[in-house]
PDB file of N, CA and C in Angstrom:
ATOM      1  N   UNK A   1    -115.376  93.402-141.080  1.00  0.00           N
ATOM      2  CA  UNK A   1    -115.201  94.021-142.368  1.00  0.00           C
ATOM      3  C   UNK A   1    -113.940  94.888-142.393  1.00  0.00           C
ATOM      4  N   UNK A   2    -113.682  95.571-141.260  1.00  0.00           N
ATOM      5  CA  UNK A   2    -112.471  96.390-141.194  1.00  0.00           C
ATOM      6  C   UNK A   2    -111.229  95.525-141.282  1.00  0.00           C
ATOM      7  N   UNK A   3    -111.277  94.351-140.656  1.00  0.00           N
ATOM      8  CA  UNK A   3    -110.135  93.441-140.710  1.00  0.00           C
ATOM      9  C   UNK A   3    -109.850  93.019-142.144  1.00  0.00           C
ATOM     10  N   UNK A   4    -110.900  92.719-142.892  1.00  0.00           N
ATOM     11  CA  UNK A   4    -110.732  92.321-144.288  1.00  0.00           C
ATOM     12  C   UNK A   4    -110.140  93.466-145.113  1.00  0.00           C
ATOM     13  N   UNK A   5    -110.620  94.680-144.902  1.00  0.00           N
ATOM     14  CA  UNK A   5    -110.104  95.837-145.642  1.00  0.00           C
ATOM     15  C   UNK A   5    -108.639  96.087-145.301  1.00  0.00           C
ATOM     16  N   UNK A   6    -108.295  96.008-144.015  1.00  0.00           N
ATOM     17  CA  UNK A   6    -106.898  96.225-143.631  1.00  0.00           C
ATOM     18  C   UNK A   6    -105.997  95.112-144.129  1.00  0.00           C
ATOM     19  N   UNK A   7    -106.491  93.875-144.112  1.00  0.00           N
ATOM     20  CA  UNK A   7    -105.697  92.753-144.625  1.00  0.00           C
ATOM     21  C   UNK A   7    -105.451  92.898-146.117  1.00  0.00           C
ATOM     22  N   UNK A   8    -106.483  93.263-146.854  1.00  0.00           N
ATOM     23  CA  UNK A   8    -106.326  93.474-148.293  1.00  0.00           C
ATOM     24  C   UNK A   8    -105.392  94.654-148.561  1.00  0.00           C
ATOM     25  N   UNK A   9    -105.496  95.697-147.762  1.00  0.00           N
ATOM     26  CA  UNK A   9    -104.590  96.838-147.891  1.00  0.00           C
ATOM     27  C   UNK A   9    -103.145  96.447-147.649  1.00  0.00           C
ATOM     28  N   UNK A  10    -102.914  95.605-146.649  1.00  0.00           N
ATOM     29  CA  UNK A  10    -101.557  95.142-146.360  1.00  0.00           C
ATOM     30  C   UNK A  10    -101.022  94.275-147.489  1.00  0.00           C
ATOM     31  N   UNK A  11    -101.852  93.399-148.020  1.00  0.00           N
ATOM     32  CA  UNK A  11    -101.445  92.547-149.141  1.00  0.00           C
ATOM     33  C   UNK A  11    -101.092  93.392-150.363  1.00  0.00           C
ATOM     34  N   UNK A  12    -101.920  94.388-150.668  1.00  0.00           N
ATOM     35  CA  UNK A  12    -101.656  95.248-151.820  1.00  0.00           C
ATOM     36  C   UNK A  12    -100.425  96.120-151.601  1.00  0.00           C
ATOM     37  N   UNK A  13    -100.188  96.563-150.364  1.00  0.00           N
ATOM     38  CA  UNK A  13     -98.979  97.340-150.077  1.00  0.00           C
ATOM     39  C   UNK A  13     -97.735  96.478-150.263  1.00  0.00           C
ATOM     40  N   UNK A  14     -97.800  95.211-149.849  1.00  0.00           N
ATOM     41  CA  UNK A  14     -96.668  94.303-150.061  1.00  0.00           C
ATOM     42  C   UNK A  14     -96.436  94.068-151.550  1.00  0.00           C
ATOM     43  N   UNK A  15     -97.514  93.907-152.306  1.00  0.00           N
ATOM     44  CA  UNK A  15     -97.383  93.726-153.757  1.00  0.00           C
ATOM     45  C   UNK A  15     -96.812  94.986-154.403  1.00  0.00           C
ATOM     46  N   UNK A  16     -97.204  96.162-153.920  1.00  0.00           N
ATOM     47  CA  UNK A  16     -96.659  97.416-154.449  1.00  0.00           C
ATOM     48  C   UNK A  16     -95.172  97.521-154.156  1.00  0.00           C
ATOM     49  N   UNK A  17     -94.769  97.089-152.967  1.00  0.00           N
ATOM     50  CA  UNK A  17     -93.346  97.105-152.619  1.00  0.00           C
ATOM     51  C   UNK A  17     -92.557  96.181-153.536  1.00  0.00           C
ATOM     52  N   UNK A  18     -93.081  94.994-153.791  1.00  0.00           N
ATOM     53  CA  UNK A  18     -92.413  94.055-154.696  1.00  0.00           C
ATOM     54  C   UNK A  18     -92.321  94.652-156.098  1.00  0.00           C
ATOM     55  N   UNK A  19     -93.400  95.256-156.576  1.00  0.00           N
ATOM     56  CA  UNK A  19     -93.383  95.872-157.908  1.00  0.00           C
ATOM     57  C   UNK A  19     -92.378  97.020-157.961  1.00  0.00           C
ATOM     58  N   UNK A  20     -92.271  97.796-156.889  1.00  0.00           N
ATOM     59  CA  UNK A  20     -91.304  98.896-156.857  1.00  0.00           C
ATOM     60  C   UNK A  20     -89.874  98.366-156.853  1.00  0.00           C
ATOM     61  N   UNK A  21     -89.633  97.272-156.142  1.00  0.00           N
ATOM     62  CA  UNK A  21     -88.295  96.669-156.136  1.00  0.00           C
ATOM     63  C   UNK A  21     -87.943  96.150-157.523  1.00  0.00           C
ATOM     64  N   UNK A  22     -88.888  95.510-158.186  1.00  0.00           N
ATOM     65  CA  UNK A  22     -88.645  95.016-159.549  1.00  0.00           C
ATOM     66  C   UNK A  22     -88.356  96.186-160.486  1.00  0.00           C
ATOM     67  N   UNK A  23     -89.137  97.264-160.385  1.00  0.00           N
ATOM     68  CA  UNK A  23     -88.895  98.445-161.219  1.00  0.00           C
ATOM     69  C   UNK A  23     -87.532  99.061-160.911  1.00  0.00           C
ATOM     70  N   UNK A  24     -87.182  99.120-159.640  1.00  0.00           N
ATOM     71  CA  UNK A  24     -85.873  99.660-159.258  1.00  0.00           C
ATOM     72  C   UNK A  24     -84.731  98.817-159.786  1.00  0.00           C
ATOM     73  N   UNK A  25     -84.884  97.508-159.725  1.00  0.00           N
ATOM     74  CA  UNK A  25     -83.853  96.612-160.242  1.00  0.00           C
ATOM     75  C   UNK A  25     -83.687  96.788-161.745  1.00  0.00           C
ATOM     76  N   UNK A  26     -84.792  96.879-162.449  1.00  0.00           N
ATOM     77  CA  UNK A  26     -84.722  97.104-163.902  1.00  0.00           C
ATOM     78  C   UNK A  26     -84.096  98.462-164.215  1.00  0.00           C
ATOM     79  N   UNK A  27     -84.434  99.466-163.425  1.00  0.00           N
ATOM     80  CA  UNK A  27     -83.882 100.802-163.661  1.00  0.00           C
ATOM     81  C   UNK A  27     -82.373 100.822-163.446  1.00  0.00           C
ATOM     82  N   UNK A  28     -81.899 100.157-162.414  1.00  0.00           N
ATOM     83  CA  UNK A  28     -80.459 100.095-162.158  1.00  0.00           C
ATOM     84  C   UNK A  28     -79.756  99.336-163.270  1.00  0.00           C
ATOM     85  N   UNK A  29     -80.342  98.245-163.711  1.00  0.00           N
ATOM     86  CA  UNK A  29     -79.719  97.439-164.761  1.00  0.00           C
ATOM     87  C   UNK A  29     -79.677  98.171-166.102  1.00  0.00           C
ATOM     88  N   UNK A  30     -80.702  98.977-166.390  1.00  0.00           N
ATOM     89  CA  UNK A  30     -80.765  99.670-167.682  1.00  0.00           C
ATOM     90  C   UNK A  30     -80.172 101.075-167.653  1.00  0.00           C
ATOM     91  N   UNK A  31     -79.757 101.543-166.488  1.00  0.00           N
ATOM     92  CA  UNK A  31     -79.173 102.878-166.324  1.00  0.00           C
ATOM     93  C   UNK A  31     -80.130 104.019-166.665  1.00  0.00           C
ATOM     94  N   UNK A  32     -81.416 103.775-166.641  1.00  0.00           N
ATOM     95  CA  UNK A  32     -82.417 104.828-166.760  1.00  0.00           C
ATOM     96  C   UNK A  32     -83.705 104.344-166.104  1.00  0.00           C
ATOM     97  N   UNK A  33     -84.593 105.294-165.818  1.00  0.00           N
ATOM     98  CA  UNK A  33     -85.822 104.969-165.091  1.00  0.00           C
ATOM     99  C   UNK A  33     -86.746 104.106-165.948  1.00  0.00           C
ATOM    100  N   UNK A  34     -87.090 102.947-165.417  1.00  0.00           N
ATOM    101  CA  UNK A  34     -87.985 102.010-166.098  1.00  0.00           C
ATOM    102  C   UNK A  34     -89.078 101.625-165.110  1.00  0.00           C
ATOM    103  N   UNK A  35     -90.326 101.639-165.562  1.00  0.00           N
ATOM    104  CA  UNK A  35     -91.410 101.169-164.704  1.00  0.00           C
ATOM    105  C   UNK A  35     -92.382 100.343-165.527  1.00  0.00           C
ATOM    106  N   UNK A  36     -93.095  99.483-164.843  1.00  0.00           N
ATOM    107  CA  UNK A  36     -94.088  98.622-165.470  1.00  0.00           C
ATOM    108  C   UNK A  36     -95.441  99.326-165.416  1.00  0.00           C
ATOM    109  N   UNK A  37     -96.011  99.696-166.570  1.00  0.00           N
ATOM    110  CA  UNK A  37     -97.307 100.378-166.545  1.00  0.00           C
ATOM    111  C   UNK A  37     -98.457  99.400-166.291  1.00  0.00           C
ATOM    112  N   UNK A  38     -99.558  99.933-165.832  1.00  0.00           N
ATOM    113  CA  UNK A  38    -100.751  99.129-165.558  1.00  0.00           C
ATOM    114  C   UNK A  38    -101.213  98.420-166.827  1.00  0.00           C
ATOM    115  N   UNK A  39    -101.122  99.098-167.969  1.00  0.00           N
ATOM    116  CA  UNK A  39    -101.534  98.515-169.247  1.00  0.00           C
ATOM    117  C   UNK A  39    -100.787  97.204-169.520  1.00  0.00           C
ATOM    118  N   UNK A  40     -99.485  97.176-169.267  1.00  0.00           N
ATOM    119  CA  UNK A  40     -98.692  95.973-169.528  1.00  0.00           C
ATOM    120  C   UNK A  40     -99.126  94.819-168.625  1.00  0.00           C
ATOM    121  N   UNK A  41     -99.427  95.124-167.373  1.00  0.00           N
ATOM    122  CA  UNK A  41     -99.876  94.078-166.450  1.00  0.00           C
ATOM    123  C   UNK A  41    -101.233  93.544-166.885  1.00  0.00           C
ATOM    124  N   UNK A  42    -102.136  94.444-167.266  1.00  0.00           N
ATOM    125  CA  UNK A  42    -103.470  94.025-167.710  1.00  0.00           C
ATOM    126  C   UNK A  42    -103.377  93.180-168.972  1.00  0.00           C
ATOM    127  N   UNK A  43    -102.548  93.597-169.924  1.00  0.00           N
ATOM    128  CA  UNK A  43    -102.389  92.820-171.152  1.00  0.00           C
ATOM    129  C   UNK A  43    -101.747  91.466-170.875  1.00  0.00           C
ATOM    130  N   UNK A  44    -100.865  91.400-169.878  1.00  0.00           N
ATOM    131  CA  UNK A  44    -100.241  90.130-169.521  1.00  0.00           C
ATOM    132  C   UNK A  44    -101.257  89.193-168.858  1.00  0.00           C
ATOM    133  N   UNK A  45    -102.117  89.756-168.009  1.00  0.00           N
ATOM    134  CA  UNK A  45    -103.101  88.931-167.303  1.00  0.00           C
ATOM    135  C   UNK A  45    -104.234  88.465-168.209  1.00  0.00           C
ATOM    136  N   UNK A  46    -104.731  89.341-169.072  1.00  0.00           N
ATOM    137  CA  UNK A  46    -105.857  88.959-169.925  1.00  0.00           C
ATOM    138  C   UNK A  46    -106.043  89.922-171.074  1.00  0.00           C
ATOM    139  N   UNK A  47    -105.380  89.684-172.198  1.00  0.00           N
ATOM    140  CA  UNK A  47    -105.504  90.617-173.325  1.00  0.00           C
ATOM    141  C   UNK A  47    -106.927  90.718-173.870  1.00  0.00           C
ATOM    142  N   UNK A  48    -107.701  89.646-173.776  1.00  0.00           N
ATOM    143  CA  UNK A  48    -109.075  89.686-174.289  1.00  0.00           C
ATOM    144  C   UNK A  48    -109.934  90.636-173.455  1.00  0.00           C
ATOM    145  N   UNK A  49    -109.738  90.645-172.138  1.00  0.00           N
ATOM    146  CA  UNK A  49    -110.530  91.537-171.289  1.00  0.00           C
ATOM    147  C   UNK A  49    -110.167  92.996-171.546  1.00  0.00           C
ATOM    148  N   UNK A  50    -108.906  93.255-171.849  1.00  0.00           N
ATOM    149  CA  UNK A  50    -108.491  94.624-172.183  1.00  0.00           C
ATOM    150  C   UNK A  50    -109.201  95.103-173.449  1.00  0.00           C
ATOM    151  N   UNK A  51    -109.223  94.249-174.456  1.00  0.00           N
ATOM    152  CA  UNK A  51    -109.890  94.609-175.713  1.00  0.00           C
ATOM    153  C   UNK A  51    -111.392  94.804-175.520  1.00  0.00           C
ATOM    154  N   UNK A  52    -112.017  93.942-174.703  1.00  0.00           N
ATOM    155  CA  UNK A  52    -113.453  94.085-174.431  1.00  0.00           C
ATOM    156  C   UNK A  52    -113.747  95.384-173.683  1.00  0.00           C
ATOM    157  N   UNK A  53    -112.910  95.708-172.703  1.00  0.00           N
ATOM    158  CA  UNK A  53    -113.122  96.941-171.941  1.00  0.00           C
ATOM    159  C   UNK A  53    -112.948  98.168-172.830  1.00  0.00           C
ATOM    160  N   UNK A  54    -111.937  98.143-173.676  1.00  0.00           N
ATOM    161  CA  UNK A  54    -111.726  99.273-174.585  1.00  0.00           C
ATOM    162  C   UNK A  54    -112.920  99.436-175.531  1.00  0.00           C
ATOM    163  N   UNK A  55    -113.394  98.327-176.095  1.00  0.00           N
ATOM    164  CA  UNK A  55    -114.541  98.391-177.003  1.00  0.00           C
ATOM    165  C   UNK A  55    -115.783  98.890-176.268  1.00  0.00           C
ATOM    166  N   UNK A  56    -115.986  98.444-175.033  1.00  0.00           N
ATOM    167  CA  UNK A  56    -117.153  98.869-174.269  1.00  0.00           C
ATOM    168  C   UNK A  56    -117.095 100.365-173.956  1.00  0.00           C
ATOM    169  N   UNK A  57    -115.928 100.842-173.496  1.00  0.00           N
ATOM    170  CA  UNK A  57    -115.804 102.267-173.165  1.00  0.00           C
ATOM    171  C   UNK A  57    -115.997 103.120-174.409  1.00  0.00           C
ATOM    172  N   UNK A  58    -115.397 102.709-175.518  1.00  0.00           N
ATOM    173  CA  UNK A  58    -115.527 103.499-176.742  1.00  0.00           C
ATOM    174  C   UNK A  58    -116.953 103.478-177.287  1.00  0.00           C
ATOM    175  N   UNK A  59    -117.654 102.346-177.151  1.00  0.00           N
ATOM    176  CA  UNK A  59    -119.018 102.253-177.673  1.00  0.00           C
ATOM    177  C   UNK A  59    -120.038 102.887-176.725  1.00  0.00           C
ATOM    178  N   UNK A  60    -119.921 102.614-175.439  1.00  0.00           N
ATOM    179  CA  UNK A  60    -120.923 103.080-174.479  1.00  0.00           C
ATOM    180  C   UNK A  60    -120.699 104.515-174.026  1.00  0.00           C
ATOM    181  N   UNK A  61    -119.473 104.875-173.801  1.00  0.00           N
ATOM    182  CA  UNK A  61    -119.200 106.206-173.265  1.00  0.00           C
ATOM    183  C   UNK A  61    -118.678 107.136-174.351  1.00  0.00           C
ATOM    184  N   UNK A  62    -117.394 106.994-174.672  1.00  0.00           N
ATOM    185  CA  UNK A  62    -116.839 107.888-175.681  1.00  0.00           C
ATOM    186  C   UNK A  62    -115.400 107.505-175.991  1.00  0.00           C
ATOM    187  N   UNK A  63    -115.021 107.700-177.235  1.00  0.00           N
ATOM    188  CA  UNK A  63    -113.626 107.490-177.633  1.00  0.00           C
ATOM    189  C   UNK A  63    -112.754 108.552-176.971  1.00  0.00           C
ATOM    190  N   UNK A  64    -113.308 109.755-176.826  1.00  0.00           N
ATOM    191  CA  UNK A  64    -112.597 110.845-176.160  1.00  0.00           C
ATOM    192  C   UNK A  64    -112.231 110.454-174.729  1.00  0.00           C
ATOM    193  N   UNK A  65    -113.168 109.822-174.021  1.00  0.00           N
ATOM    194  CA  UNK A  65    -112.920 109.394-172.649  1.00  0.00           C
ATOM    195  C   UNK A  65    -111.802 108.364-172.596  1.00  0.00           C
ATOM    196  N   UNK A  66    -111.814 107.399-173.515  1.00  0.00           N
ATOM    197  CA  UNK A  66    -110.761 106.381-173.532  1.00  0.00           C
ATOM    198  C   UNK A  66    -109.401 107.023-173.805  1.00  0.00           C
ATOM    199  N   UNK A  67    -109.346 107.889-174.800  1.00  0.00           N
ATOM    200  CA  UNK A  67    -108.065 108.468-175.210  1.00  0.00           C
ATOM    201  C   UNK A  67    -107.512 109.477-174.208  1.00  0.00           C
ATOM    202  N   UNK A  68    -108.384 110.209-173.524  1.00  0.00           N
ATOM    203  CA  UNK A  68    -107.913 111.298-172.672  1.00  0.00           C
ATOM    204  C   UNK A  68    -107.980 111.027-171.177  1.00  0.00           C
ATOM    205  N   UNK A  69    -108.642 109.965-170.759  1.00  0.00           N
ATOM    206  CA  UNK A  69    -108.707 109.665-169.327  1.00  0.00           C
ATOM    207  C   UNK A  69    -108.198 108.263-169.023  1.00  0.00           C
ATOM    208  N   UNK A  70    -108.792 107.274-169.646  1.00  0.00           N
ATOM    209  CA  UNK A  70    -108.460 105.887-169.311  1.00  0.00           C
ATOM    210  C   UNK A  70    -107.052 105.528-169.771  1.00  0.00           C
ATOM    211  N   UNK A  71    -106.710 105.879-170.987  1.00  0.00           N
ATOM    212  CA  UNK A  71    -105.398 105.517-171.525  1.00  0.00           C
ATOM    213  C   UNK A  71    -104.241 106.124-170.721  1.00  0.00           C
ATOM    214  N   UNK A  72    -104.297 107.410-170.342  1.00  0.00           N
ATOM    215  CA  UNK A  72    -103.219 107.932-169.488  1.00  0.00           C
ATOM    216  C   UNK A  72    -103.163 107.259-168.114  1.00  0.00           C
ATOM    217  N   UNK A  73    -104.323 106.898-167.559  1.00  0.00           N
ATOM    218  CA  UNK A  73    -104.319 106.199-166.271  1.00  0.00           C
ATOM    219  C   UNK A  73    -103.685 104.820-166.392  1.00  0.00           C
ATOM    220  N   UNK A  74    -103.876 104.176-167.531  1.00  0.00           N
ATOM    221  CA  UNK A  74    -103.265 102.863-167.744  1.00  0.00           C
ATOM    222  C   UNK A  74    -101.763 102.965-167.968  1.00  0.00           C
ATOM    223  N   UNK A  75    -101.263 104.154-168.208  1.00  0.00           N
ATOM    224  CA  UNK A  75     -99.831 104.357-168.370  1.00  0.00           C
ATOM    225  C   UNK A  75     -99.101 104.630-167.067  1.00  0.00           C
ATOM    226  N   UNK A  76     -99.834 104.741-165.964  1.00  0.00           N
ATOM    227  CA  UNK A  76     -99.210 104.980-164.660  1.00  0.00           C
ATOM    228  C   UNK A  76     -98.430 103.750-164.204  1.00  0.00           C
ATOM    229  N   UNK A  77     -97.415 103.956-163.362  1.00  0.00           N
ATOM    230  CA  UNK A  77     -96.668 102.805-162.836  1.00  0.00           C
ATOM    231  C   UNK A  77     -97.571 101.897-161.995  1.00  0.00           C
ATOM    232  N   UNK A  78     -97.416 100.603-162.204  1.00  0.00           N
ATOM    233  CA  UNK A  78     -98.221  99.610-161.500  1.00  0.00           C
ATOM    234  C   UNK A  78     -98.008  99.702-159.993  1.00  0.00           C
ATOM    235  N   UNK A  79     -96.769  99.932-159.562  1.00  0.00           N
ATOM    236  CA  UNK A  79     -96.478 100.030-158.130  1.00  0.00           C
ATOM    237  C   UNK A  79     -97.218 101.213-157.504  1.00  0.00           C
ATOM    238  N   UNK A  80     -97.282 102.325-158.206  1.00  0.00           N
ATOM    239  CA  UNK A  80     -97.982 103.505-157.697  1.00  0.00           C
ATOM    240  C   UNK A  80     -99.476 103.238-157.555  1.00  0.00           C
ATOM    241  N   UNK A  81    -100.060 102.616-158.556  1.00  0.00           N
ATOM    242  CA  UNK A  81    -101.496 102.319-158.513  1.00  0.00           C
ATOM    243  C   UNK A  81    -101.804 101.340-157.379  1.00  0.00           C
ATOM    244  N   UNK A  82    -100.960 100.323-157.219  1.00  0.00           N
ATOM    245  CA  UNK A  82    -101.165  99.384-156.111  1.00  0.00           C
ATOM    246  C   UNK A  82    -101.064 100.094-154.765  1.00  0.00           C
ATOM    247  N   UNK A  83    -100.118 101.018-154.630  1.00  0.00           N
ATOM    248  CA  UNK A  83     -99.969 101.739-153.369  1.00  0.00           C
ATOM    249  C   UNK A  83    -101.184 102.628-153.102  1.00  0.00           C
ATOM    250  N   UNK A  84    -101.711 103.277-154.125  1.00  0.00           N
ATOM    251  CA  UNK A  84    -102.904 104.111-153.943  1.00  0.00           C
ATOM    252  C   UNK A  84    -104.121 103.274-153.552  1.00  0.00           C
ATOM    253  N   UNK A  85    -104.287 102.129-154.191  1.00  0.00           N
ATOM    254  CA  UNK A  85    -105.422 101.254-153.865  1.00  0.00           C
ATOM    255  C   UNK A  85    -105.256 100.684-152.457  1.00  0.00           C
ATOM    256  N   UNK A  86    -104.022 100.341-152.067  1.00  0.00           N
ATOM    257  CA  UNK A  86    -103.811  99.832-150.710  1.00  0.00           C
ATOM    258  C   UNK A  86    -104.108 100.923-149.687  1.00  0.00           C
ATOM    259  N   UNK A  87    -103.746 102.164-149.992  1.00  0.00           N
ATOM    260  CA  UNK A  87    -104.080 103.275-149.100  1.00  0.00           C
ATOM    261  C   UNK A  87    -105.579 103.453-148.950  1.00  0.00           C
ATOM    262  N   UNK A  88    -106.309 103.255-150.043  1.00  0.00           N
ATOM    263  CA  UNK A  88    -107.771 103.322-149.983  1.00  0.00           C
ATOM    264  C   UNK A  88    -108.321 102.246-149.049  1.00  0.00           C
ATOM    265  N   UNK A  89    -107.795 101.032-149.150  1.00  0.00           N
ATOM    266  CA  UNK A  89    -108.278  99.961-148.276  1.00  0.00           C
ATOM    267  C   UNK A  89    -107.875 100.198-146.821  1.00  0.00           C
ATOM    268  N   UNK A  90    -106.685 100.764-146.584  1.00  0.00           N
ATOM    269  CA  UNK A  90    -106.310 101.117-145.212  1.00  0.00           C
ATOM    270  C   UNK A  90    -107.253 102.184-144.663  1.00  0.00           C
ATOM    271  N   UNK A  91    -107.616 103.145-145.503  1.00  0.00           N
ATOM    272  CA  UNK A  91    -108.531 104.199-145.078  1.00  0.00           C
ATOM    273  C   UNK A  91    -109.911 103.620-144.768  1.00  0.00           C
ATOM    274  N   UNK A  92    -110.379 102.685-145.609  1.00  0.00           N
ATOM    275  CA  UNK A  92    -111.679 102.055-145.365  1.00  0.00           C
ATOM    276  C   UNK A  92    -111.664 101.196-144.103  1.00  0.00           C
ATOM    277  N   UNK A  93    -110.512 100.649-143.752  1.00  0.00           N
ATOM    278  CA  UNK A  93    -110.412  99.776-142.590  1.00  0.00           C
ATOM    279  C   UNK A  93    -110.000 100.476-141.315  1.00  0.00           C
ATOM    280  N   UNK A  94    -109.965 101.798-141.325  1.00  0.00           N
ATOM    281  CA  UNK A  94    -109.536 102.520-140.132  1.00  0.00           C
ATOM    282  C   UNK A  94    -110.562 102.342-139.016  1.00  0.00           C
ATOM    283  N   UNK A  95    -110.106 102.422-137.775  1.00  0.00           N
ATOM    284  CA  UNK A  95    -111.059 102.306-136.666  1.00  0.00           C
ATOM    285  C   UNK A  95    -111.952 103.544-136.601  1.00  0.00           C
ATOM    286  N   UNK A  96    -113.136 103.386-136.036  1.00  0.00           N
ATOM    287  CA  UNK A  96    -114.037 104.538-135.941  1.00  0.00           C
ATOM    288  C   UNK A  96    -113.457 105.615-135.023  1.00  0.00           C
ATOM    289  N   UNK A  97    -113.833 106.842-135.272  1.00  0.00           N
ATOM    290  CA  UNK A  97    -113.352 107.961-134.464  1.00  0.00           C
ATOM    291  C   UNK A  97    -113.884 107.842-133.040  1.00  0.00           C
ATOM    292  N   UNK A  98    -113.087 108.295-132.099  1.00  0.00           N
ATOM    293  CA  UNK A  98    -113.484 108.257-130.697  1.00  0.00           C
ATOM    294  C   UNK A  98    -114.641 109.218-130.462  1.00  0.00           C
ATOM    295  N   UNK A  99    -115.618 108.770-129.722  1.00  0.00           N
ATOM    296  CA  UNK A  99    -116.793 109.600-129.432  1.00  0.00           C
ATOM    297  C   UNK A  99    -116.595 110.426-128.157  1.00  0.00           C
ATOM    298  N   UNK A 100    -115.470 110.258-127.483  1.00  0.00           N
ATOM    299  CA  UNK A 100    -115.222 110.986-126.241  1.00  0.00           C
ATOM    300  C   UNK A 100    -114.977 112.457-126.558  1.00  0.00           C
ATOM    301  N   UNK A 101    -115.679 113.316-125.862  1.00  0.00           N
ATOM    302  CA  UNK A 101    -115.513 114.741-126.055  1.00  0.00           C
ATOM    303  C   UNK A 101    -116.471 115.338-127.063  1.00  0.00           C
ATOM    304  N   UNK A 102    -117.282 114.510-127.689  1.00  0.00           N
ATOM    305  CA  UNK A 102    -118.249 115.002-128.658  1.00  0.00           C
ATOM    306  C   UNK A 102    -119.654 114.781-128.124  1.00  0.00           C
ATOM    307  N   UNK A 103    -120.548 115.689-128.441  1.00  0.00           N
ATOM    308  CA  UNK A 103    -121.940 115.536-128.043  1.00  0.00           C
ATOM    309  C   UNK A 103    -122.548 114.460-128.931  1.00  0.00           C
ATOM    310  N   UNK A 104    -123.041 113.386-128.307  1.00  0.00           N
ATOM    311  CA  UNK A 104    -123.590 112.290-129.094  1.00  0.00           C
ATOM    312  C   UNK A 104    -125.083 112.459-129.355  1.00  0.00           C
ATOM    313  N   UNK A 105    -125.747 113.306-128.590  1.00  0.00           N
ATOM    314  CA  UNK A 105    -127.167 113.556-128.825  1.00  0.00           C
ATOM    315  C   UNK A 105    -127.478 114.995-128.411  1.00  0.00           C
ATOM    316  N   UNK A 106    -128.492 115.527-129.005  1.00  0.00           N
ATOM    317  CA  UNK A 106    -128.856 116.915-128.705  1.00  0.00           C
ATOM    318  C   UNK A 106    -130.098 116.992-127.886  1.00  0.00           C
TER     319      UNK A 106
END
């Protein structure tokens, strides 16, 4: 299971690097900072799922939650979100702590 988590973390880190390079290339070409937000990627992958998720959050939870929490999170750079998720998978796939030097039973 740790191998799978670390492999997925490595894949997501590589994807984050590619997304950062694409954002950097666009920023250099446009002479100002440009990044691809998560919302744009989600809408590109499946606009119907975005609309369903928005309707579900607004109906089940709250419009306030969508407007003040979810929407700003969807405005974050895609490369940053991928890097954070890859870090989470690296953390989940870390080896167990060494038991040497600790009392294992009382």
